[in-house]
Amino acid sequence: MQWMLYKKKLTDGLLFEFYDSRRAFSEQITRCLVHLHAHNFVHCDLNVSNVFVTAEMIAKVGDLQGQLYRPDGSIEMPIMSQENAKSRHPLAGDDEFSTRTDVFALGTLLYHLWHGHAPFPDLDEQTQETEIQGRYLRGEYPVNVAKAVGIDGIIGRCWTSKYTHAHEVLEDLLAIAGKALIQVAYHAAGDYDWGKLDEANERNRVRTILSPGLL
């Protein structure tokens, strides 16, 4: 199945077209954010429009107009752009640009990537900011954050600030990717039990089903 993302013309192309590489893109984008934060840089405007895809189908985060901090926490380079209402943390003050706000925006990006549209498609991010932010504040998310699992669970934890750092998001993305690989392997073999999948215990068996290079 193919999933639609936006598309703009650029030399190498941009995130937006029909791709079925959502899992890889999710991990690559999150790795970029981990790298930026490790260098005291907050992106401040993370969204699908600012993710570019190379000819090798590698997603890269661009439009680096965020805020650079010195090791002591003071600002070395102030922001030049910031998130729209659908990507902005509803509890952030006007001057907060932090890992918390970036991770919230990552949740919105992941939602867009996996669901094929931004949150609240009935609302315009430019003219209905108050209603969008109000829905977030009231906990009216597009996914059931209390019960969501898999990628929606990760998105929900981004939105509710359960993650402190982007590397925690990456760890969860890698965890569900590993489980999915095990499921595919068992499905290919026609011998699996969804309730008993255990990556650690079954890894050796899966090696006989998939190429060893994949594990």
N, C-alpha and C. Protein backbone atom coordinates (compact mmCIF):
# COMPACT_ATOMS: atom_id res chain seq x y z
N MET A 1 0.84 -1.19 0.00
CA MET A 1 0.00 0.00 0.00
C MET A 1 0.88 1.24 0.00
N GLN A 2 0.49 2.24 -0.74
CA GLN A 2 1.25 3.47 -0.78
C GLN A 2 0.55 4.54 0.05
N TRP A 3 1.35 5.42 0.62
CA TRP A 3 0.81 6.46 1.48
C TRP A 3 1.26 7.82 0.98
N MET A 4 0.37 8.76 0.98
CA MET A 4 0.67 10.06 0.39
C MET A 4 1.28 11.00 1.40
N LEU A 5 2.35 11.65 0.98
CA LEU A 5 2.96 12.73 1.71
C LEU A 5 3.06 13.89 0.73
N TYR A 6 3.31 15.06 1.25
CA TYR A 6 3.39 16.22 0.38
C TYR A 6 4.55 16.10 -0.60
N LYS A 7 4.53 16.92 -1.60
CA LYS A 7 5.61 16.94 -2.58
C LYS A 7 5.85 18.36 -3.05
N LYS A 8 7.11 18.79 -3.06
CA LYS A 8 7.51 20.05 -3.65
C LYS A 8 8.72 19.77 -4.52
N LYS A 9 8.92 20.59 -5.52
CA LYS A 9 10.07 20.40 -6.39
C LYS A 9 11.31 21.00 -5.73
N LEU A 10 12.37 20.21 -5.69
CA LEU A 10 13.65 20.67 -5.20
C LEU A 10 14.68 19.83 -5.93
N THR A 11 15.93 20.14 -5.81
CA THR A 11 16.94 19.42 -6.57
C THR A 11 16.86 17.92 -6.32
N ASP A 12 16.82 17.53 -5.05
CA ASP A 12 16.77 16.11 -4.73
C ASP A 12 15.35 15.62 -4.48
N GLY A 13 14.39 16.50 -4.53
CA GLY A 13 13.02 16.09 -4.21
C GLY A 13 12.71 16.42 -2.77
N LEU A 14 11.46 16.26 -2.36
CA LEU A 14 11.06 16.62 -1.01
C LEU A 14 10.17 15.55 -0.45
N LEU A 15 9.92 15.60 0.82
CA LEU A 15 9.13 14.53 1.47
C LEU A 15 7.78 14.44 0.87
N PHE A 16 6.97 14.29 0.36
CA PHE A 16 5.64 14.44 -0.12
C PHE A 16 5.49 13.73 -1.43
N GLU A 17 5.09 12.71 -1.60
CA GLU A 17 4.69 12.01 -2.79
C GLU A 17 4.18 10.68 -2.28
N PHE A 18 4.01 9.71 -3.19
CA PHE A 18 3.57 8.40 -2.73
C PHE A 18 4.79 7.56 -2.36
N TYR A 19 4.95 7.33 -1.09
CA TYR A 19 6.05 6.51 -0.61
C TYR A 19 5.49 5.49 0.38
N ASP A 20 6.10 4.35 0.43
CA ASP A 20 5.75 3.39 1.47
C ASP A 20 6.97 3.17 2.34
N SER A 21 7.59 4.26 2.74
CA SER A 21 8.82 4.20 3.53
C SER A 21 8.65 4.95 4.84
N ARG A 22 7.46 4.92 5.37
CA ARG A 22 7.17 5.72 6.56
C ARG A 22 8.02 5.34 7.76
N ARG A 23 8.25 4.06 7.93
CA ARG A 23 9.02 3.64 9.10
C ARG A 23 10.45 4.15 9.02
N ALA A 24 11.07 3.98 7.85
CA ALA A 24 12.45 4.46 7.68
C ALA A 24 12.51 5.97 7.81
N PHE A 25 11.57 6.68 7.20
CA PHE A 25 11.56 8.13 7.31
C PHE A 25 11.40 8.57 8.76
N SER A 26 10.52 7.90 9.49
CA SER A 26 10.29 8.26 10.89
C SER A 26 11.59 8.17 11.69
N GLU A 27 12.32 7.09 11.49
CA GLU A 27 13.57 6.90 12.21
C GLU A 27 14.62 7.92 11.77
N GLN A 28 14.72 8.16 10.48
CA GLN A 28 15.73 9.09 9.97
C GLN A 28 15.47 10.51 10.47
N ILE A 29 14.22 10.93 10.45
CA ILE A 29 13.86 12.28 10.90
C ILE A 29 14.16 12.42 12.39
N THR A 30 13.82 11.39 13.16
CA THR A 30 14.05 11.45 14.59
C THR A 30 15.54 11.45 14.91
N ARG A 31 16.32 10.69 14.14
CA ARG A 31 17.78 10.71 14.32
C ARG A 31 18.33 12.11 14.06
N CYS A 32 17.80 12.78 13.06
CA CYS A 32 18.23 14.16 12.78
C CYS A 32 17.96 15.05 13.99
N LEU A 33 16.78 14.88 14.59
CA LEU A 33 16.43 15.71 15.74
C LEU A 33 17.33 15.40 16.93
N VAL A 34 17.64 14.13 17.14
CA VAL A 34 18.56 13.75 18.20
C VAL A 34 19.91 14.43 17.98
N HIS A 35 20.38 14.43 16.74
CA HIS A 35 21.67 15.06 16.41
C HIS A 35 21.64 16.56 16.69
N LEU A 36 20.58 17.23 16.26
CA LEU A 36 20.47 18.67 16.48
C LEU A 36 20.48 19.00 17.97
N HIS A 37 19.68 18.26 18.74
CA HIS A 37 19.60 18.52 20.18
C HIS A 37 20.93 18.25 20.88
N ALA A 38 21.68 17.28 20.39
CA ALA A 38 22.98 16.97 20.98
C ALA A 38 23.96 18.12 20.79
N HIS A 39 23.66 18.98 19.80
CA HIS A 39 24.50 20.15 19.54
C HIS A 39 23.82 21.44 19.98
N ASN A 40 22.90 21.31 20.92
CA ASN A 40 22.23 22.47 21.56
C ASN A 40 21.43 23.31 20.58
N PHE A 41 20.91 22.65 19.53
CA PHE A 41 20.12 23.37 18.54
C PHE A 41 18.69 22.85 18.58
N VAL A 42 17.74 23.79 18.72
CA VAL A 42 16.32 23.46 18.69
C VAL A 42 15.78 23.91 17.34
N HIS A 43 15.13 23.00 16.62
CA HIS A 43 14.70 23.31 15.25
C HIS A 43 13.64 24.40 15.21
N CYS A 44 12.64 24.30 16.08
CA CYS A 44 11.58 25.31 16.25
C CYS A 44 10.52 25.33 15.15
N ASP A 45 10.70 24.60 14.07
CA ASP A 45 9.68 24.59 13.00
C ASP A 45 9.69 23.26 12.28
N LEU A 46 9.68 22.18 13.05
CA LEU A 46 9.72 20.85 12.47
C LEU A 46 8.35 20.48 11.91
N ASN A 47 8.29 20.22 10.62
CA ASN A 47 7.05 19.79 9.98
C ASN A 47 7.40 19.13 8.65
N VAL A 48 6.43 18.50 8.01
CA VAL A 48 6.73 17.75 6.79
C VAL A 48 7.30 18.62 5.67
N SER A 49 6.97 19.90 5.66
CA SER A 49 7.48 20.78 4.60
C SER A 49 8.98 21.01 4.72
N ASN A 50 9.53 20.74 5.90
CA ASN A 50 10.95 20.98 6.13
C ASN A 50 11.76 19.70 6.18
N VAL A 51 11.19 18.63 5.63
CA VAL A 51 11.92 17.37 5.52
C VAL A 51 12.11 17.06 4.04
N PHE A 52 13.35 16.85 3.65
CA PHE A 52 13.69 16.62 2.26
C PHE A 52 14.14 15.18 2.05
N VAL A 53 13.83 14.64 0.90
CA VAL A 53 14.19 13.26 0.58
C VAL A 53 15.18 13.25 -0.58
N THR A 54 16.31 12.61 -0.38
CA THR A 54 17.34 12.56 -1.41
C THR A 54 16.98 11.51 -2.46
N ALA A 55 17.77 11.45 -3.51
CA ALA A 55 17.56 10.47 -4.56
C ALA A 55 17.73 9.04 -4.03
N GLU A 56 18.47 8.91 -2.92
CA GLU A 56 18.67 7.59 -2.29
C GLU A 56 17.56 7.28 -1.29
N MET A 57 16.50 8.10 -1.27
CA MET A 57 15.37 7.90 -0.37
C MET A 57 15.78 8.01 1.10
N ILE A 58 16.62 8.98 1.39
CA ILE A 58 17.01 9.28 2.76
C ILE A 58 16.36 10.60 3.16
N ALA A 59 15.63 10.60 4.26
CA ALA A 59 14.97 11.82 4.74
C ALA A 59 15.94 12.65 5.55
N LYS A 60 15.99 13.94 5.24
CA LYS A 60 16.88 14.87 5.94
C LYS A 60 16.09 16.09 6.38
N VAL A 61 16.36 16.56 7.58
CA VAL A 61 15.68 17.73 8.12
C VAL A 61 16.40 18.98 7.65
N GLY A 62 15.65 19.94 7.10
CA GLY A 62 16.24 21.18 6.61
C GLY A 62 15.59 22.41 7.21
N ASP A 63 15.79 23.55 6.56
CA ASP A 63 15.25 24.83 7.01
C ASP A 63 15.66 25.10 8.45
N LEU A 64 16.97 25.10 8.69
CA LEU A 64 17.49 25.25 10.05
C LEU A 64 17.53 26.72 10.45
N GLN A 65 16.37 27.22 10.83
CA GLN A 65 16.25 28.61 11.27
C GLN A 65 15.84 28.66 12.75
N GLY A 66 16.24 27.62 13.48
CA GLY A 66 15.84 27.51 14.88
C GLY A 66 16.74 28.28 15.81
N GLN A 67 16.79 27.82 17.05
CA GLN A 67 17.52 28.53 18.11
C GLN A 67 18.72 27.71 18.57
N LEU A 68 19.89 28.33 18.57
CA LEU A 68 21.12 27.69 19.02
C LEU A 68 21.47 28.19 20.41
N TYR A 69 21.71 27.25 21.31
CA TYR A 69 22.05 27.59 22.69
C TYR A 69 23.53 27.34 22.96
N ARG A 70 24.10 28.14 23.85
CA ARG A 70 25.44 27.87 24.34
C ARG A 70 25.35 26.79 25.41
N PRO A 71 26.47 26.17 25.75
CA PRO A 71 26.45 25.12 26.78
C PRO A 71 25.88 25.59 28.12
N ASP A 72 25.97 26.90 28.40
CA ASP A 72 25.43 27.41 29.67
C ASP A 72 23.94 27.72 29.60
N GLY A 73 23.32 27.45 28.44
CA GLY A 73 21.89 27.68 28.30
C GLY A 73 21.51 29.03 27.74
N SER A 74 22.46 29.92 27.58
CA SER A 74 22.16 31.22 26.99
C SER A 74 22.02 31.06 25.47
N ILE A 75 21.37 32.03 24.86
CA ILE A 75 21.08 31.94 23.43
C ILE A 75 22.24 32.50 22.61
N GLU A 76 22.75 31.70 21.71
CA GLU A 76 23.80 32.16 20.81
C GLU A 76 23.22 32.66 19.50
N MET A 77 22.18 31.99 19.01
CA MET A 77 21.52 32.40 17.77
C MET A 77 20.01 32.27 17.96
N PRO A 78 19.28 33.39 17.92
CA PRO A 78 17.83 33.33 18.15
C PRO A 78 17.08 32.78 16.95
N ILE A 79 15.84 32.39 17.17
CA ILE A 79 15.03 31.78 16.11
C ILE A 79 14.70 32.79 15.01
N MET A 80 14.47 32.25 13.82
CA MET A 80 14.00 33.06 12.69
C MET A 80 12.66 32.57 12.18
N SER A 81 12.18 31.43 12.69
CA SER A 81 10.85 30.93 12.34
C SER A 81 10.40 30.01 13.46
N GLN A 82 9.09 29.73 13.53
CA GLN A 82 8.62 28.83 14.56
C GLN A 82 7.42 28.03 14.06
N GLU A 83 6.97 27.06 14.88
CA GLU A 83 5.92 26.13 14.49
C GLU A 83 4.60 26.83 14.22
N ASN A 84 3.79 26.19 13.37
CA ASN A 84 2.41 26.63 13.21
C ASN A 84 1.58 26.06 14.35
N ALA A 85 0.31 26.40 14.39
CA ALA A 85 -0.55 26.02 15.52
C ALA A 85 -0.68 24.52 15.68
N LYS A 86 -0.62 23.75 14.61
CA LYS A 86 -0.79 22.31 14.71
C LYS A 86 0.46 21.61 15.24
N SER A 87 1.59 22.32 15.21
CA SER A 87 2.85 21.74 15.65
C SER A 87 3.37 22.37 16.93
N ARG A 88 2.70 23.41 17.40
CA ARG A 88 3.18 24.15 18.57
C ARG A 88 2.63 23.56 19.86
N HIS A 89 3.50 23.35 20.83
CA HIS A 89 3.08 22.83 22.13
C HIS A 89 2.11 23.81 22.78
N PRO A 90 0.92 23.36 23.17
CA PRO A 90 -0.09 24.30 23.69
C PRO A 90 0.27 24.91 25.04
N LEU A 91 1.18 24.30 25.77
CA LEU A 91 1.55 24.83 27.09
C LEU A 91 2.84 25.65 27.04
N ALA A 92 3.42 25.77 25.87
CA ALA A 92 4.66 26.54 25.74
C ALA A 92 4.36 28.03 25.74
N GLY A 93 5.14 28.76 26.44
CA GLY A 93 5.01 30.21 26.40
C GLY A 93 5.56 30.77 25.11
N ASP A 94 5.38 32.06 24.91
CA ASP A 94 5.84 32.68 23.67
C ASP A 94 7.34 32.53 23.45
N ASP A 95 8.09 32.41 24.54
CA ASP A 95 9.55 32.38 24.43
C ASP A 95 10.14 30.99 24.63
N GLU A 96 9.29 29.97 24.74
CA GLU A 96 9.84 28.63 24.94
C GLU A 96 10.11 27.94 23.62
N PHE A 97 11.37 27.65 23.41
CA PHE A 97 11.81 26.84 22.26
C PHE A 97 12.79 25.83 22.83
N SER A 98 12.35 24.60 22.95
CA SER A 98 13.07 23.61 23.73
C SER A 98 12.93 22.24 23.11
N THR A 99 13.60 21.27 23.73
CA THR A 99 13.42 19.89 23.28
C THR A 99 11.96 19.49 23.42
N ARG A 100 11.28 20.00 24.45
CA ARG A 100 9.86 19.68 24.64
C ARG A 100 9.03 20.15 23.46
N THR A 101 9.24 21.38 23.01
CA THR A 101 8.45 21.88 21.88
C THR A 101 8.81 21.17 20.59
N ASP A 102 10.08 20.82 20.40
CA ASP A 102 10.49 20.07 19.21
C ASP A 102 9.87 18.68 19.19
N VAL A 103 9.83 18.01 20.34
CA VAL A 103 9.27 16.66 20.38
C VAL A 103 7.77 16.70 20.12
N PHE A 104 7.09 17.73 20.62
CA PHE A 104 5.66 17.87 20.31
C PHE A 104 5.47 18.01 18.80
N ALA A 105 6.28 18.86 18.17
CA ALA A 105 6.19 19.04 16.72
C ALA A 105 6.51 17.75 15.98
N LEU A 106 7.43 16.96 16.53
CA LEU A 106 7.74 15.67 15.93
C LEU A 106 6.51 14.77 15.95
N GLY A 107 5.73 14.84 17.02
CA GLY A 107 4.50 14.07 17.08
C GLY A 107 3.55 14.44 15.96
N THR A 108 3.41 15.72 15.71
CA THR A 108 2.54 16.18 14.62
C THR A 108 3.08 15.73 13.27
N LEU A 109 4.39 15.81 13.09
CA LEU A 109 5.00 15.36 11.84
C LEU A 109 4.74 13.86 11.63
N LEU A 110 4.95 13.07 12.67
CA LEU A 110 4.73 11.63 12.55
C LEU A 110 3.27 11.32 12.26
N TYR A 111 2.37 12.07 12.88
CA TYR A 111 0.94 11.87 12.59
C TYR A 111 0.67 12.12 11.11
N HIS A 112 1.19 13.23 10.59
CA HIS A 112 1.00 13.59 9.19
C HIS A 112 1.59 12.51 8.28
N LEU A 113 2.77 12.04 8.64
CA LEU A 113 3.45 11.04 7.83
C LEU A 113 2.68 9.72 7.78
N TRP A 114 2.13 9.29 8.90
CA TRP A 114 1.48 7.99 8.98
C TRP A 114 0.00 8.02 8.63
N HIS A 115 -0.66 9.16 8.81
CA HIS A 115 -2.09 9.24 8.53
C HIS A 115 -2.41 9.93 7.21
N GLY A 116 -1.41 10.55 6.60
CA GLY A 116 -1.61 11.14 5.28
C GLY A 116 -2.17 12.55 5.30
N HIS A 117 -2.34 13.13 6.48
CA HIS A 117 -2.82 14.51 6.59
C HIS A 117 -2.45 15.04 7.95
N ALA A 118 -2.45 16.34 8.10
CA ALA A 118 -2.14 16.96 9.38
C ALA A 118 -3.28 16.75 10.36
N PRO A 119 -3.04 16.90 11.66
CA PRO A 119 -4.14 16.82 12.62
C PRO A 119 -5.22 17.86 12.31
N PHE A 120 -6.44 17.55 12.67
CA PHE A 120 -7.56 18.46 12.51
C PHE A 120 -7.66 19.04 11.09
N PRO A 121 -7.86 18.20 10.11
CA PRO A 121 -7.95 18.70 8.73
C PRO A 121 -9.11 19.66 8.50
N ASP A 122 -10.05 19.68 9.45
CA ASP A 122 -11.19 20.60 9.34
C ASP A 122 -10.83 22.01 9.77
N LEU A 123 -9.64 22.18 10.34
CA LEU A 123 -9.23 23.50 10.84
C LEU A 123 -8.02 24.01 10.07
N ASP A 124 -8.02 25.31 9.79
CA ASP A 124 -6.93 25.95 9.07
C ASP A 124 -5.89 26.44 10.07
N GLU A 125 -4.64 26.03 9.87
CA GLU A 125 -3.58 26.36 10.82
C GLU A 125 -3.25 27.84 10.88
N GLN A 126 -3.61 28.58 9.85
CA GLN A 126 -3.31 30.01 9.82
C GLN A 126 -4.42 30.87 10.41
N THR A 127 -5.66 30.47 10.20
CA THR A 127 -6.78 31.32 10.62
C THR A 127 -7.54 30.79 11.83
N GLN A 128 -7.26 29.55 12.24
CA GLN A 128 -8.00 28.98 13.37
C GLN A 128 -7.05 28.46 14.45
N GLU A 129 -6.03 29.25 14.73
CA GLU A 129 -5.02 28.86 15.70
C GLU A 129 -5.62 28.65 17.09
N THR A 130 -6.54 29.51 17.49
CA THR A 130 -7.10 29.42 18.83
C THR A 130 -7.85 28.11 19.03
N GLU A 131 -8.63 27.68 18.05
CA GLU A 131 -9.37 26.44 18.17
C GLU A 131 -8.43 25.23 18.15
N ILE A 132 -7.41 25.28 17.32
CA ILE A 132 -6.45 24.18 17.26
C ILE A 132 -5.75 24.01 18.60
N GLN A 133 -5.22 25.10 19.12
CA GLN A 133 -4.53 25.04 20.40
C GLN A 133 -5.49 24.66 21.53
N GLY A 134 -6.75 25.11 21.41
CA GLY A 134 -7.76 24.76 22.40
C GLY A 134 -8.02 23.26 22.43
N ARG A 135 -8.06 22.62 21.28
CA ARG A 135 -8.28 21.17 21.24
C ARG A 135 -7.13 20.44 21.92
N TYR A 136 -5.92 20.88 21.64
CA TYR A 136 -4.77 20.27 22.31
C TYR A 136 -4.87 20.45 23.82
N LEU A 137 -5.20 21.65 24.25
CA LEU A 137 -5.28 21.93 25.69
C LEU A 137 -6.36 21.10 26.37
N ARG A 138 -7.45 20.84 25.66
CA ARG A 138 -8.55 20.04 26.22
C ARG A 138 -8.31 18.54 26.08
N GLY A 139 -7.18 18.18 25.49
CA GLY A 139 -6.86 16.77 25.32
C GLY A 139 -7.64 16.11 24.21
N GLU A 140 -8.13 16.90 23.26
CA GLU A 140 -8.92 16.37 22.14
C GLU A 140 -7.99 16.06 20.96
N TYR A 141 -7.16 15.05 21.17
CA TYR A 141 -6.19 14.67 20.14
C TYR A 141 -6.84 13.80 19.07
N PRO A 142 -6.25 13.76 17.89
CA PRO A 142 -6.80 12.91 16.81
C PRO A 142 -6.62 11.42 17.08
N VAL A 143 -5.80 11.06 18.07
CA VAL A 143 -5.64 9.66 18.46
C VAL A 143 -5.99 9.55 19.94
N ASN A 144 -6.43 8.39 20.35
CA ASN A 144 -6.74 8.14 21.75
C ASN A 144 -5.43 7.91 22.49
N VAL A 145 -4.89 8.96 23.10
CA VAL A 145 -3.56 8.87 23.68
C VAL A 145 -3.50 7.90 24.86
N ALA A 146 -4.64 7.63 25.48
CA ALA A 146 -4.65 6.72 26.63
C ALA A 146 -4.57 5.26 26.20
N LYS A 147 -5.07 4.95 25.00
CA LYS A 147 -5.14 3.56 24.56
C LYS A 147 -4.30 3.26 23.33
N ALA A 148 -3.77 4.28 22.70
CA ALA A 148 -3.05 4.07 21.45
C ALA A 148 -1.80 3.22 21.65
N VAL A 149 -1.50 2.39 20.67
CA VAL A 149 -0.30 1.56 20.70
C VAL A 149 0.46 1.77 19.40
N GLY A 150 1.63 1.18 19.30
CA GLY A 150 2.41 1.31 18.08
C GLY A 150 2.76 2.74 17.77
N ILE A 151 2.70 3.10 16.50
CA ILE A 151 3.09 4.46 16.10
C ILE A 151 2.17 5.51 16.71
N ASP A 152 0.87 5.23 16.82
CA ASP A 152 -0.03 6.19 17.44
C ASP A 152 0.28 6.38 18.91
N GLY A 153 0.77 5.33 19.57
CA GLY A 153 1.19 5.47 20.95
C GLY A 153 2.38 6.40 21.07
N ILE A 154 3.31 6.29 20.13
CA ILE A 154 4.48 7.18 20.12
C ILE A 154 4.04 8.62 19.87
N ILE A 155 3.16 8.80 18.90
CA ILE A 155 2.65 10.14 18.60
C ILE A 155 1.98 10.73 19.83
N GLY A 156 1.16 9.95 20.50
CA GLY A 156 0.48 10.42 21.70
C GLY A 156 1.45 10.82 22.80
N ARG A 157 2.51 10.05 22.97
CA ARG A 157 3.50 10.39 24.00
C ARG A 157 4.29 11.64 23.64
N CYS A 158 4.48 11.89 22.34
CA CYS A 158 5.10 13.16 21.92
C CYS A 158 4.19 14.32 22.30
N TRP A 159 2.91 14.18 22.04
CA TRP A 159 1.97 15.27 22.28
C TRP A 159 1.72 15.53 23.76
N THR A 160 1.82 14.50 24.57
CA THR A 160 1.55 14.68 26.00
C THR A 160 2.84 14.82 26.82
N SER A 161 3.94 15.04 26.13
CA SER A 161 5.24 15.29 26.77
C SER A 161 5.68 14.16 27.69
N LYS A 162 5.37 12.92 27.32
CA LYS A 162 5.87 11.78 28.08
C LYS A 162 7.35 11.54 27.80
N TYR A 163 7.79 12.05 26.65
CA TYR A 163 9.21 11.96 26.33
C TYR A 163 9.92 13.23 26.77
N THR A 164 11.11 13.05 27.36
CA THR A 164 11.93 14.20 27.73
C THR A 164 12.91 14.55 26.62
N HIS A 165 13.36 13.53 25.91
CA HIS A 165 14.37 13.73 24.87
C HIS A 165 13.97 12.99 23.59
N ALA A 166 14.47 13.47 22.47
CA ALA A 166 14.15 12.85 21.18
C ALA A 166 14.69 11.43 21.08
N HIS A 167 15.78 11.14 21.79
CA HIS A 167 16.33 9.78 21.69
C HIS A 167 15.37 8.75 22.28
N GLU A 168 14.49 9.17 23.18
CA GLU A 168 13.49 8.26 23.73
C GLU A 168 12.47 7.89 22.65
N VAL A 169 12.13 8.85 21.81
CA VAL A 169 11.23 8.59 20.68
C VAL A 169 11.89 7.59 19.74
N LEU A 170 13.16 7.81 19.45
CA LEU A 170 13.89 6.92 18.55
C LEU A 170 13.93 5.50 19.10
N GLU A 171 14.16 5.37 20.40
CA GLU A 171 14.19 4.04 21.01
C GLU A 171 12.87 3.32 20.81
N ASP A 172 11.76 4.02 20.98
CA ASP A 172 10.45 3.39 20.79
C ASP A 172 10.18 3.06 19.33
N LEU A 173 10.62 3.94 18.42
CA LEU A 173 10.46 3.65 16.99
C LEU A 173 11.23 2.38 16.61
N LEU A 174 12.45 2.26 17.12
CA LEU A 174 13.25 1.09 16.82
C LEU A 174 12.65 -0.17 17.43
N ALA A 175 12.03 -0.01 18.60
CA ALA A 175 11.41 -1.16 19.26
C ALA A 175 10.24 -1.70 18.45
N ILE A 176 9.37 -0.82 17.95
CA ILE A 176 8.22 -1.32 17.18
C ILE A 176 8.67 -1.80 15.81
N ALA A 177 9.76 -1.24 15.29
CA ALA A 177 10.29 -1.72 14.01
C ALA A 177 10.82 -3.14 14.17
N GLY A 178 11.48 -3.41 15.29
CA GLY A 178 11.99 -4.75 15.54
C GLY A 178 10.88 -5.77 15.67
N LYS A 179 9.82 -5.40 16.36
CA LYS A 179 8.69 -6.33 16.53
C LYS A 179 8.01 -6.57 15.18
N ALA A 180 7.90 -5.51 14.37
CA ALA A 180 7.26 -5.67 13.06
C ALA A 180 8.07 -6.62 12.19
N LEU A 181 9.40 -6.54 12.29
CA LEU A 181 10.25 -7.43 11.50
C LEU A 181 10.04 -8.88 11.90
N ILE A 182 9.90 -9.11 13.19
CA ILE A 182 9.63 -10.46 13.66
C ILE A 182 8.29 -10.95 13.12
N GLN A 183 7.27 -10.08 13.15
CA GLN A 183 5.95 -10.46 12.66
C GLN A 183 5.98 -10.81 11.18
N VAL A 184 6.70 -10.02 10.40
CA VAL A 184 6.81 -10.29 8.97
C VAL A 184 7.49 -11.64 8.74
N ALA A 185 8.50 -11.91 9.52
CA ALA A 185 9.22 -13.17 9.37
C ALA A 185 8.31 -14.36 9.66
N TYR A 186 7.57 -14.30 10.73
CA TYR A 186 6.67 -15.39 11.08
C TYR A 186 5.57 -15.53 10.03
N HIS A 187 5.07 -14.38 9.56
CA HIS A 187 4.02 -14.42 8.54
C HIS A 187 4.54 -15.11 7.28
N ALA A 188 5.76 -14.80 6.90
CA ALA A 188 6.36 -15.41 5.71
C ALA A 188 6.50 -16.92 5.88
N ALA A 189 6.74 -17.34 7.11
CA ALA A 189 6.92 -18.77 7.36
C ALA A 189 5.60 -19.49 7.59
N GLY A 190 4.52 -18.74 7.73
CA GLY A 190 3.22 -19.34 7.98
C GLY A 190 3.14 -19.99 9.34
N ASP A 191 3.97 -19.53 10.28
CA ASP A 191 4.02 -20.15 11.60
C ASP A 191 4.28 -19.07 12.63
N TYR A 192 3.23 -18.50 13.20
CA TYR A 192 3.42 -17.44 14.17
C TYR A 192 2.23 -17.36 15.11
N ASP A 193 2.48 -16.80 16.25
CA ASP A 193 1.45 -16.58 17.26
C ASP A 193 1.63 -15.15 17.75
N TRP A 194 0.70 -14.26 17.36
CA TRP A 194 0.84 -12.83 17.68
C TRP A 194 1.01 -12.61 19.18
N GLY A 195 0.43 -13.45 20.00
CA GLY A 195 0.49 -13.23 21.44
C GLY A 195 1.78 -13.69 22.08
N LYS A 196 2.63 -14.38 21.31
CA LYS A 196 3.84 -14.93 21.91
C LYS A 196 5.11 -14.43 21.24
N LEU A 197 4.98 -13.38 20.46
CA LEU A 197 6.17 -12.85 19.79
C LEU A 197 7.13 -12.27 20.82
N ASP A 198 8.36 -12.68 20.77
CA ASP A 198 9.37 -12.17 21.68
C ASP A 198 10.67 -12.06 20.90
N GLU A 199 11.09 -10.85 20.64
CA GLU A 199 12.24 -10.65 19.75
C GLU A 199 13.49 -11.31 20.30
N ALA A 200 13.73 -11.19 21.61
CA ALA A 200 14.95 -11.73 22.19
C ALA A 200 14.99 -13.25 22.08
N ASN A 201 13.90 -13.93 22.38
CA ASN A 201 13.87 -15.39 22.37
C ASN A 201 13.79 -15.98 20.98
N GLU A 202 13.20 -15.25 20.04
CA GLU A 202 12.95 -15.82 18.72
C GLU A 202 13.94 -15.38 17.66
N ARG A 203 14.90 -14.55 18.02
CA ARG A 203 15.80 -14.00 17.02
C ARG A 203 16.52 -15.10 16.21
N ASN A 204 17.02 -16.13 16.90
CA ASN A 204 17.74 -17.18 16.19
C ASN A 204 16.85 -17.91 15.19
N ARG A 205 15.59 -18.13 15.58
CA ARG A 205 14.69 -18.82 14.68
C ARG A 205 14.39 -17.97 13.45
N VAL A 206 14.22 -16.67 13.66
CA VAL A 206 13.91 -15.78 12.55
C VAL A 206 15.08 -15.70 11.57
N ARG A 207 16.29 -15.90 12.07
CA ARG A 207 17.46 -15.86 11.18
C ARG A 207 17.36 -16.93 10.08
N THR A 208 16.65 -17.99 10.35
CA THR A 208 16.51 -19.04 9.35
C THR A 208 15.43 -18.70 8.33
N ILE A 209 14.62 -17.67 8.63
CA ILE A 209 13.52 -17.28 7.73
C ILE A 209 13.93 -16.10 6.85
N LEU A 210 14.57 -15.11 7.48
CA LEU A 210 15.02 -13.93 6.75
C LEU A 210 16.52 -13.99 6.53
N SER A 211 16.97 -13.17 5.60
CA SER A 211 18.40 -13.07 5.37
C SER A 211 19.08 -12.61 6.66
N PRO A 212 20.20 -13.23 7.06
CA PRO A 212 20.90 -12.82 8.28
C PRO A 212 21.29 -11.35 8.24
N GLY A 213 21.45 -10.78 7.06
CA GLY A 213 21.83 -9.38 6.96
C GLY A 213 20.78 -8.41 7.42
N LEU A 214 19.54 -8.88 7.57
CA LEU A 214 18.46 -8.01 8.00
C LEU A 214 18.35 -7.91 9.50
N LEU A 215 19.03 -8.74 10.25
CA LEU A 215 18.91 -8.78 11.70
C LEU A 215 20.22 -8.49 12.38
